[in-house]
Amino acid sequence: QVQLVESGGGSLQSGGSLRLSCAASGYTHSTYYMGWFRQAPGTEREGVAVITSGGTTNYAGSVKGRFTISRDNAKNTLYLQMNSLKPEDTAMYYCAADHRMTTRQALQIRPGYFGFWGQGTQVTVSS
């Protein structure tokens, strides 16, 4: 059974940094596409970043240059380093995993392609 557990969220001021982690279990982590998504109240879940098993990454335009996604397959863990945080980054952040898609689909960072989700970790950025 696939399990994903996020951690590392918190409250901080604009300009600060956070690193989110997602501990994965129940599947062969190294073969799955992994992604970070976020959802603010009253909005749809949106893609933030994705990483393939080979390490290819893609980012939403709003976070490019500020966020970095990475994975440690030996530790079955996904990370999201978030720098220069802004109030508009405030949201619940979710990690997701799946292998039932093509690389082209994965790099679109669409929530609908991912079938396994964590419970989320809250990030709140104040101005």
N, C-alpha and C. Protein backbone atom coordinates (compact mmCIF):
# COMPACT_ATOMS: atom_id res chain seq x y z
N GLN A 1 0.85 -1.19 0.00
CA GLN A 1 0.00 0.00 0.00
C GLN A 1 0.88 1.24 0.00
N VAL A 2 0.63 2.12 -0.95
CA VAL A 2 1.42 3.34 -1.05
C VAL A 2 1.06 4.29 0.08
N GLN A 3 2.07 4.78 0.77
CA GLN A 3 1.86 5.78 1.81
C GLN A 3 2.84 6.93 1.60
N LEU A 4 2.32 8.14 1.72
CA LEU A 4 3.12 9.35 1.58
C LEU A 4 2.84 10.24 2.78
N VAL A 5 3.88 10.68 3.45
CA VAL A 5 3.72 11.50 4.65
C VAL A 5 4.59 12.74 4.52
N GLU A 6 3.93 13.89 4.44
CA GLU A 6 4.65 15.16 4.32
C GLU A 6 5.00 15.73 5.69
N SER A 7 6.04 16.52 5.72
CA SER A 7 6.44 17.24 6.93
C SER A 7 7.23 18.47 6.52
N GLY A 8 7.44 19.36 7.48
CA GLY A 8 8.28 20.53 7.24
C GLY A 8 7.55 21.84 7.04
N GLY A 9 6.23 21.79 7.02
CA GLY A 9 5.49 23.03 6.87
C GLY A 9 5.59 23.91 8.10
N GLY A 10 5.09 25.14 7.98
CA GLY A 10 5.13 26.05 9.11
C GLY A 10 4.70 27.44 8.72
N SER A 11 4.84 28.35 9.66
CA SER A 11 4.49 29.75 9.44
C SER A 11 5.76 30.58 9.48
N LEU A 12 5.89 31.49 8.54
CA LEU A 12 7.08 32.33 8.49
C LEU A 12 6.78 33.60 7.73
N GLN A 13 7.73 34.52 7.77
CA GLN A 13 7.55 35.79 7.09
C GLN A 13 8.05 35.72 5.65
N SER A 14 7.54 36.64 4.89
CA SER A 14 7.93 36.75 3.49
C SER A 14 9.44 36.86 3.35
N GLY A 15 9.98 36.15 2.37
CA GLY A 15 11.42 36.14 2.14
C GLY A 15 12.15 34.99 2.76
N GLY A 16 11.47 34.26 3.64
CA GLY A 16 12.09 33.14 4.32
C GLY A 16 12.13 31.88 3.48
N SER A 17 12.67 30.81 4.10
CA SER A 17 12.84 29.53 3.41
C SER A 17 12.28 28.40 4.25
N LEU A 18 11.83 27.36 3.57
CA LEU A 18 11.38 26.13 4.21
C LEU A 18 11.78 24.97 3.32
N ARG A 19 11.99 23.81 3.94
CA ARG A 19 12.18 22.59 3.18
C ARG A 19 11.12 21.58 3.59
N LEU A 20 10.32 21.19 2.63
CA LEU A 20 9.32 20.17 2.86
C LEU A 20 9.91 18.80 2.52
N SER A 21 9.46 17.80 3.27
CA SER A 21 9.87 16.43 3.01
C SER A 21 8.63 15.56 2.83
N CYS A 22 8.80 14.49 2.07
CA CYS A 22 7.72 13.53 1.87
C CYS A 22 8.32 12.14 1.96
N ALA A 23 7.98 11.43 3.03
CA ALA A 23 8.48 10.07 3.22
C ALA A 23 7.53 9.09 2.54
N ALA A 24 8.08 8.26 1.68
CA ALA A 24 7.28 7.33 0.89
C ALA A 24 7.53 5.89 1.31
N SER A 25 6.49 5.10 1.21
CA SER A 25 6.62 3.67 1.51
C SER A 25 5.56 2.88 0.76
N GLY A 26 5.79 1.58 0.66
CA GLY A 26 4.79 0.71 0.06
C GLY A 26 4.93 0.49 -1.43
N TYR A 27 5.98 1.03 -2.03
CA TYR A 27 6.18 0.85 -3.47
C TYR A 27 7.65 1.12 -3.77
N THR A 28 8.02 0.84 -5.01
CA THR A 28 9.40 1.08 -5.43
C THR A 28 9.56 2.55 -5.78
N HIS A 29 9.98 3.31 -4.80
CA HIS A 29 10.02 4.77 -4.91
C HIS A 29 10.78 5.25 -6.14
N SER A 30 11.89 4.59 -6.43
CA SER A 30 12.76 5.09 -7.48
C SER A 30 12.13 5.04 -8.86
N THR A 31 11.09 4.26 -9.04
CA THR A 31 10.49 4.11 -10.37
C THR A 31 9.30 5.02 -10.59
N TYR A 32 8.89 5.75 -9.58
CA TYR A 32 7.68 6.56 -9.68
C TYR A 32 8.00 8.02 -10.01
N TYR A 33 7.08 8.64 -10.72
CA TYR A 33 7.09 10.09 -10.84
C TYR A 33 6.60 10.65 -9.50
N MET A 34 7.22 11.75 -9.07
CA MET A 34 6.85 12.37 -7.81
C MET A 34 6.59 13.84 -8.04
N GLY A 35 5.62 14.37 -7.31
CA GLY A 35 5.31 15.78 -7.50
C GLY A 35 4.88 16.46 -6.22
N TRP A 36 4.99 17.76 -6.23
CA TRP A 36 4.45 18.61 -5.17
C TRP A 36 3.33 19.45 -5.75
N PHE A 37 2.25 19.54 -4.99
CA PHE A 37 1.09 20.31 -5.38
C PHE A 37 0.68 21.16 -4.20
N ARG A 38 -0.14 22.17 -4.45
CA ARG A 38 -0.61 23.00 -3.35
C ARG A 38 -2.04 23.44 -3.61
N GLN A 39 -2.71 23.75 -2.52
CA GLN A 39 -4.10 24.20 -2.61
C GLN A 39 -4.38 25.22 -1.53
N ALA A 40 -4.75 26.41 -1.96
CA ALA A 40 -5.15 27.46 -1.04
C ALA A 40 -6.67 27.40 -0.88
N PRO A 41 -7.20 27.90 0.23
CA PRO A 41 -8.65 27.86 0.44
C PRO A 41 -9.41 28.51 -0.71
N GLY A 42 -10.42 27.83 -1.20
CA GLY A 42 -11.25 28.39 -2.27
C GLY A 42 -10.66 28.27 -3.66
N THR A 43 -9.54 27.57 -3.77
CA THR A 43 -8.92 27.43 -5.09
C THR A 43 -8.74 25.95 -5.42
N GLU A 44 -8.46 25.68 -6.69
CA GLU A 44 -8.19 24.31 -7.10
C GLU A 44 -6.75 23.95 -6.78
N ARG A 45 -6.53 22.65 -6.62
CA ARG A 45 -5.18 22.17 -6.40
C ARG A 45 -4.35 22.43 -7.65
N GLU A 46 -3.14 22.94 -7.45
CA GLU A 46 -2.29 23.27 -8.58
C GLU A 46 -0.92 22.61 -8.46
N GLY A 47 -0.33 22.33 -9.60
CA GLY A 47 0.98 21.73 -9.62
C GLY A 47 2.06 22.74 -9.28
N VAL A 48 3.03 22.30 -8.50
CA VAL A 48 4.15 23.15 -8.11
C VAL A 48 5.42 22.68 -8.81
N ALA A 49 5.73 21.38 -8.67
CA ALA A 49 6.96 20.84 -9.24
C ALA A 49 6.83 19.34 -9.39
N VAL A 50 7.58 18.79 -10.32
CA VAL A 50 7.58 17.35 -10.54
C VAL A 50 8.99 16.89 -10.82
N ILE A 51 9.27 15.62 -10.48
CA ILE A 51 10.57 15.04 -10.76
C ILE A 51 10.36 13.62 -11.24
N THR A 52 11.06 13.25 -12.30
CA THR A 52 10.96 11.89 -12.83
C THR A 52 11.94 10.97 -12.09
N SER A 53 11.84 9.70 -12.38
CA SER A 53 12.76 8.75 -11.76
C SER A 53 14.20 9.05 -12.15
N GLY A 54 14.38 9.63 -13.31
CA GLY A 54 15.73 9.95 -13.78
C GLY A 54 16.24 11.31 -13.34
N GLY A 55 15.39 12.05 -12.63
CA GLY A 55 15.82 13.34 -12.10
C GLY A 55 15.45 14.55 -12.94
N THR A 56 14.71 14.34 -14.02
CA THR A 56 14.23 15.48 -14.80
C THR A 56 13.16 16.22 -14.00
N THR A 57 13.23 17.54 -14.00
CA THR A 57 12.30 18.33 -13.21
C THR A 57 11.55 19.33 -14.07
N ASN A 58 10.42 19.77 -13.54
CA ASN A 58 9.68 20.87 -14.14
C ASN A 58 8.98 21.62 -13.02
N TYR A 59 8.77 22.91 -13.24
CA TYR A 59 8.21 23.76 -12.21
C TYR A 59 7.09 24.63 -12.77
N ALA A 60 6.17 24.98 -11.90
CA ALA A 60 5.19 25.99 -12.25
C ALA A 60 5.92 27.32 -12.40
N GLY A 61 5.43 28.15 -13.30
CA GLY A 61 6.09 29.42 -13.55
C GLY A 61 6.20 30.30 -12.32
N SER A 62 5.22 30.20 -11.43
CA SER A 62 5.18 31.06 -10.26
C SER A 62 6.26 30.73 -9.23
N VAL A 63 6.85 29.55 -9.32
CA VAL A 63 7.86 29.14 -8.34
C VAL A 63 9.24 28.92 -8.96
N LYS A 64 9.31 28.97 -10.27
CA LYS A 64 10.58 28.70 -10.95
C LYS A 64 11.64 29.68 -10.48
N GLY A 65 12.79 29.16 -10.14
CA GLY A 65 13.87 29.99 -9.65
C GLY A 65 13.88 30.18 -8.15
N ARG A 66 12.78 29.81 -7.49
CA ARG A 66 12.69 29.95 -6.03
C ARG A 66 12.59 28.58 -5.33
N PHE A 67 11.94 27.63 -5.97
CA PHE A 67 11.73 26.31 -5.40
C PHE A 67 12.60 25.28 -6.13
N THR A 68 13.03 24.27 -5.38
CA THR A 68 13.80 23.17 -5.96
C THR A 68 13.26 21.84 -5.47
N ILE A 69 12.87 20.98 -6.40
CA ILE A 69 12.41 19.64 -6.05
C ILE A 69 13.59 18.68 -6.19
N SER A 70 13.66 17.73 -5.27
CA SER A 70 14.71 16.72 -5.34
C SER A 70 14.20 15.44 -4.70
N ARG A 71 14.92 14.36 -4.95
CA ARG A 71 14.52 13.08 -4.37
C ARG A 71 15.76 12.31 -3.96
N ASP A 72 15.62 11.57 -2.88
CA ASP A 72 16.67 10.67 -2.42
C ASP A 72 16.08 9.27 -2.45
N ASN A 73 16.38 8.54 -3.49
CA ASN A 73 15.78 7.22 -3.65
C ASN A 73 16.25 6.24 -2.59
N ALA A 74 17.44 6.42 -2.08
CA ALA A 74 17.94 5.53 -1.03
C ALA A 74 17.13 5.70 0.25
N LYS A 75 16.63 6.91 0.47
CA LYS A 75 15.84 7.19 1.67
C LYS A 75 14.33 7.20 1.39
N ASN A 76 13.96 6.93 0.14
CA ASN A 76 12.53 6.97 -0.24
C ASN A 76 11.89 8.29 0.17
N THR A 77 12.56 9.37 -0.12
CA THR A 77 12.10 10.67 0.33
C THR A 77 12.15 11.68 -0.80
N LEU A 78 11.12 12.50 -0.84
CA LEU A 78 11.01 13.60 -1.79
C LEU A 78 11.14 14.90 -1.00
N TYR A 79 11.77 15.90 -1.61
CA TYR A 79 11.97 17.19 -0.95
C TYR A 79 11.47 18.33 -1.83
N LEU A 80 11.15 19.43 -1.15
CA LEU A 80 10.88 20.68 -1.85
C LEU A 80 11.53 21.79 -1.06
N GLN A 81 12.61 22.33 -1.59
CA GLN A 81 13.27 23.48 -0.98
C GLN A 81 12.61 24.74 -1.51
N MET A 82 12.08 25.54 -0.59
CA MET A 82 11.35 26.75 -0.97
C MET A 82 12.08 27.97 -0.43
N ASN A 83 12.55 28.82 -1.31
CA ASN A 83 13.26 30.04 -0.93
C ASN A 83 12.46 31.26 -1.38
N SER A 84 12.81 32.40 -0.80
CA SER A 84 12.16 33.67 -1.16
C SER A 84 10.64 33.53 -1.14
N LEU A 85 10.13 32.98 -0.08
CA LEU A 85 8.70 32.72 0.00
C LEU A 85 7.91 34.01 0.02
N LYS A 86 6.73 33.95 -0.58
CA LYS A 86 5.83 35.08 -0.71
C LYS A 86 4.49 34.74 -0.07
N PRO A 87 3.72 35.73 0.34
CA PRO A 87 2.38 35.44 0.89
C PRO A 87 1.51 34.60 -0.05
N GLU A 88 1.67 34.77 -1.33
CA GLU A 88 0.87 33.99 -2.28
C GLU A 88 1.28 32.53 -2.36
N ASP A 89 2.36 32.16 -1.68
CA ASP A 89 2.75 30.75 -1.58
C ASP A 89 1.99 30.04 -0.47
N THR A 90 1.23 30.78 0.32
CA THR A 90 0.46 30.20 1.41
C THR A 90 -0.54 29.19 0.88
N ALA A 91 -0.47 27.96 1.39
CA ALA A 91 -1.34 26.88 0.91
C ALA A 91 -1.04 25.61 1.70
N MET A 92 -1.90 24.62 1.52
CA MET A 92 -1.59 23.27 1.96
C MET A 92 -0.78 22.62 0.83
N TYR A 93 0.36 22.05 1.19
CA TYR A 93 1.24 21.43 0.21
C TYR A 93 1.12 19.91 0.32
N TYR A 94 0.95 19.28 -0.84
CA TYR A 94 0.79 17.84 -0.91
C TYR A 94 1.87 17.23 -1.79
N CYS A 95 2.36 16.06 -1.39
CA CYS A 95 3.19 15.32 -2.32
C CYS A 95 2.34 14.21 -2.94
N ALA A 96 2.73 13.82 -4.13
CA ALA A 96 1.98 12.81 -4.87
C ALA A 96 2.95 11.92 -5.63
N ALA A 97 2.49 10.71 -5.91
CA ALA A 97 3.32 9.75 -6.62
C ALA A 97 2.46 8.92 -7.55
N ASP A 98 3.05 8.46 -8.61
CA ASP A 98 2.40 7.51 -9.51
C ASP A 98 3.39 7.10 -10.59
N HIS A 99 3.06 6.03 -11.25
CA HIS A 99 3.90 5.58 -12.37
C HIS A 99 3.07 5.37 -13.63
N ARG A 100 1.76 5.56 -13.52
CA ARG A 100 0.84 5.24 -14.62
C ARG A 100 0.64 6.43 -15.54
N MET A 101 1.73 6.91 -16.10
CA MET A 101 1.67 8.05 -17.00
C MET A 101 2.96 8.07 -17.81
N THR A 102 2.97 8.89 -18.84
CA THR A 102 4.20 9.06 -19.59
C THR A 102 5.00 10.20 -18.98
N THR A 103 6.25 10.30 -19.36
CA THR A 103 7.08 11.40 -18.87
C THR A 103 6.50 12.73 -19.32
N ARG A 104 6.02 12.78 -20.54
CA ARG A 104 5.43 14.02 -21.06
C ARG A 104 4.24 14.45 -20.19
N GLN A 105 3.41 13.48 -19.81
CA GLN A 105 2.27 13.80 -18.95
C GLN A 105 2.74 14.25 -17.57
N ALA A 106 3.72 13.56 -17.03
CA ALA A 106 4.21 13.91 -15.69
C ALA A 106 4.73 15.34 -15.64
N LEU A 107 5.43 15.75 -16.69
CA LEU A 107 6.03 17.08 -16.70
C LEU A 107 5.01 18.20 -16.86
N GLN A 108 3.76 17.84 -17.10
CA GLN A 108 2.69 18.84 -17.14
C GLN A 108 2.25 19.23 -15.73
N ILE A 109 2.63 18.47 -14.74
CA ILE A 109 2.34 18.74 -13.32
C ILE A 109 0.84 18.93 -13.08
N ARG A 110 0.07 17.99 -13.62
CA ARG A 110 -1.39 18.04 -13.43
C ARG A 110 -1.81 17.07 -12.34
N PRO A 111 -2.59 17.52 -11.37
CA PRO A 111 -3.00 16.63 -10.27
C PRO A 111 -3.71 15.36 -10.75
N GLY A 112 -4.43 15.45 -11.85
CA GLY A 112 -5.22 14.32 -12.31
C GLY A 112 -4.40 13.11 -12.73
N TYR A 113 -3.12 13.29 -13.00
CA TYR A 113 -2.28 12.18 -13.41
C TYR A 113 -1.76 11.37 -12.23
N PHE A 114 -1.89 11.91 -11.03
CA PHE A 114 -1.32 11.27 -9.85
C PHE A 114 -2.41 10.62 -9.01
N GLY A 115 -2.18 9.38 -8.63
CA GLY A 115 -3.20 8.63 -7.91
C GLY A 115 -2.94 8.45 -6.43
N PHE A 116 -1.73 8.74 -5.98
CA PHE A 116 -1.38 8.53 -4.59
C PHE A 116 -0.96 9.87 -3.96
N TRP A 117 -1.56 10.16 -2.82
CA TRP A 117 -1.41 11.47 -2.20
C TRP A 117 -1.12 11.36 -0.71
N GLY A 118 -0.35 12.32 -0.21
CA GLY A 118 -0.18 12.47 1.22
C GLY A 118 -1.30 13.30 1.81
N GLN A 119 -1.22 13.53 3.12
CA GLN A 119 -2.28 14.25 3.81
C GLN A 119 -2.07 15.76 3.78
N GLY A 120 -0.88 16.19 3.40
CA GLY A 120 -0.60 17.62 3.27
C GLY A 120 0.10 18.21 4.47
N THR A 121 0.81 19.30 4.22
CA THR A 121 1.45 20.07 5.28
C THR A 121 1.24 21.55 4.97
N GLN A 122 0.86 22.32 5.98
CA GLN A 122 0.47 23.71 5.77
C GLN A 122 1.68 24.63 5.75
N VAL A 123 1.71 25.51 4.79
CA VAL A 123 2.71 26.57 4.70
C VAL A 123 1.98 27.90 4.71
N THR A 124 2.34 28.76 5.66
CA THR A 124 1.72 30.07 5.79
C THR A 124 2.80 31.13 5.78
N VAL A 125 2.71 32.05 4.82
CA VAL A 125 3.72 33.10 4.67
C VAL A 125 3.03 34.44 4.89
N SER A 126 3.54 35.19 5.84
CA SER A 126 2.96 36.50 6.14
C SER A 126 3.86 37.60 5.60
N SER A 127 3.23 38.72 5.32
CA SER A 127 3.98 39.85 4.74
C SER A 127 4.59 40.72 5.81
